[in-house]
Amino acid sequence: APRVNVIAGVVVEVATEPINTSGVFFVPQETRLSIKEPDGNIVTVSGGDLTVASGYLYYLYKPVTVGWVEYEYWIKEGNREDAETNGFEVYDRVY
């Protein structure tokens, strides 16, 4: 997922696209998303907290703190595991 800039208080779709060795989307047996907020607080969600869409998984997150937000998706299927880290900058409302 590309890095983007968002305004504090706006809902962000934090997404991942798990694909198998054939390049086809699948829903992993286990999935965890950890979001590190600018103040150091870590929000962790998994399983049913994530929404399955057409070709990807996502979580609706509403940042309230200005600064850099980093997130990591971790997935496990059988004995294979993978992780993806990304982030975005949260700005104060600008009028």
Protein backbone atom coordinates (compact mmCIF):
# COMPACT_ATOMS: atom_id res chain seq x y z
CA ALA A 1 0.00 0.00 0.00
CA PRO A 2 1.34 3.44 -0.84
CA ARG A 3 2.22 5.97 1.83
CA VAL A 4 -0.32 8.76 2.10
CA ASN A 5 -0.90 11.86 4.18
CA VAL A 6 -4.15 12.22 6.11
CA ILE A 7 -5.90 14.80 8.26
CA ALA A 8 -6.45 14.00 11.96
CA GLY A 9 -9.97 12.70 12.59
CA VAL A 10 -10.45 11.33 9.05
CA VAL A 11 -11.07 7.58 8.75
CA VAL A 12 -8.26 5.73 6.97
CA GLU A 13 -8.61 2.32 5.29
CA VAL A 14 -5.44 0.48 6.40
CA ALA A 15 -5.25 -2.37 3.89
CA THR A 16 -3.16 -5.38 2.88
CA GLU A 17 -3.34 -7.75 -0.08
CA PRO A 18 -2.29 -11.29 0.91
CA ILE A 19 -1.51 -13.36 -2.20
CA ASN A 20 -0.49 -17.00 -2.46
CA THR A 21 2.47 -18.36 -4.44
CA SER A 22 0.26 -18.32 -7.56
CA GLY A 23 -0.42 -14.60 -7.12
CA VAL A 24 -4.06 -15.11 -6.06
CA PHE A 25 -5.64 -13.26 -3.10
CA PHE A 26 -6.56 -15.42 -0.10
CA VAL A 27 -7.77 -14.91 3.47
CA PRO A 28 -5.00 -16.16 5.81
CA GLN A 29 -5.65 -18.48 8.75
CA GLU A 30 -4.24 -15.82 11.08
CA THR A 31 -3.92 -12.07 10.53
CA ARG A 32 -2.83 -9.32 12.89
CA LEU A 33 -2.54 -5.58 12.35
CA SER A 34 -0.51 -3.44 14.77
CA ILE A 35 -0.71 0.35 14.46
CA LYS A 36 1.87 2.49 16.28
CA GLU A 37 0.48 5.96 16.91
CA PRO A 38 2.67 9.09 17.13
CA ASP A 39 2.47 9.09 20.95
CA GLY A 40 3.83 5.50 21.09
CA ASN A 41 0.48 3.84 21.81
CA ILE A 42 0.06 0.58 19.87
CA VAL A 43 -3.37 -0.54 18.66
CA THR A 44 -3.60 -4.22 17.70
CA VAL A 45 -6.52 -5.87 15.90
CA SER A 46 -6.93 -9.29 14.32
CA GLY A 47 -9.31 -11.79 12.78
CA GLY A 48 -12.90 -10.56 12.86
CA ASP A 49 -11.79 -6.95 13.44
CA LEU A 50 -10.61 -6.89 9.80
CA THR A 51 -12.95 -6.62 6.83
CA VAL A 52 -12.56 -8.85 3.76
CA ALA A 53 -13.11 -6.97 0.52
CA SER A 54 -12.65 -7.95 -3.12
CA GLY A 55 -8.96 -8.79 -3.25
CA TYR A 56 -7.79 -7.30 0.06
CA LEU A 57 -8.27 -7.03 3.83
CA TYR A 58 -8.70 -3.73 5.64
CA TYR A 59 -9.31 -2.03 8.96
CA LEU A 60 -10.97 1.38 9.37
CA TYR A 61 -8.74 3.47 11.60
CA LYS A 62 -9.38 7.03 12.77
CA PRO A 63 -6.14 8.76 13.81
CA VAL A 64 -6.52 11.56 16.33
CA THR A 65 -2.86 12.36 17.03
CA VAL A 66 -0.74 14.43 14.64
CA GLY A 67 2.52 12.79 13.52
CA TRP A 68 3.85 9.63 11.88
CA VAL A 69 1.70 6.48 12.12
CA GLU A 70 3.37 3.19 11.31
CA TYR A 71 1.57 -0.10 10.86
CA GLU A 72 2.46 -3.73 10.34
CA TYR A 73 0.31 -6.52 8.96
CA TRP A 74 1.38 -10.02 9.96
CA ILE A 75 -0.18 -13.09 8.32
CA LYS A 76 0.22 -16.83 8.81
CA GLU A 77 -1.00 -19.67 6.61
CA GLY A 78 0.12 -23.17 7.62
CA ASN A 79 3.82 -22.93 8.40
CA ARG A 80 4.38 -19.81 6.23
CA GLU A 81 4.44 -16.33 7.72
CA ASP A 82 4.83 -12.88 6.20
CA ALA A 83 4.79 -9.27 7.37
CA GLU A 84 4.33 -5.91 5.67
CA THR A 85 5.20 -2.55 7.25
CA ASN A 86 4.12 0.87 6.03
CA GLY A 87 2.95 4.19 7.39
CA PHE A 88 1.51 7.63 6.82
CA GLU A 89 1.76 11.16 8.19
CA VAL A 90 -1.21 12.64 10.09
CA TYR A 91 -1.62 16.42 9.86
CA ASP A 92 -3.76 18.80 11.86
CA ARG A 93 -6.81 20.20 10.10
CA VAL A 94 -5.87 23.02 7.77
CA TYR A 95 -8.51 25.56 6.84
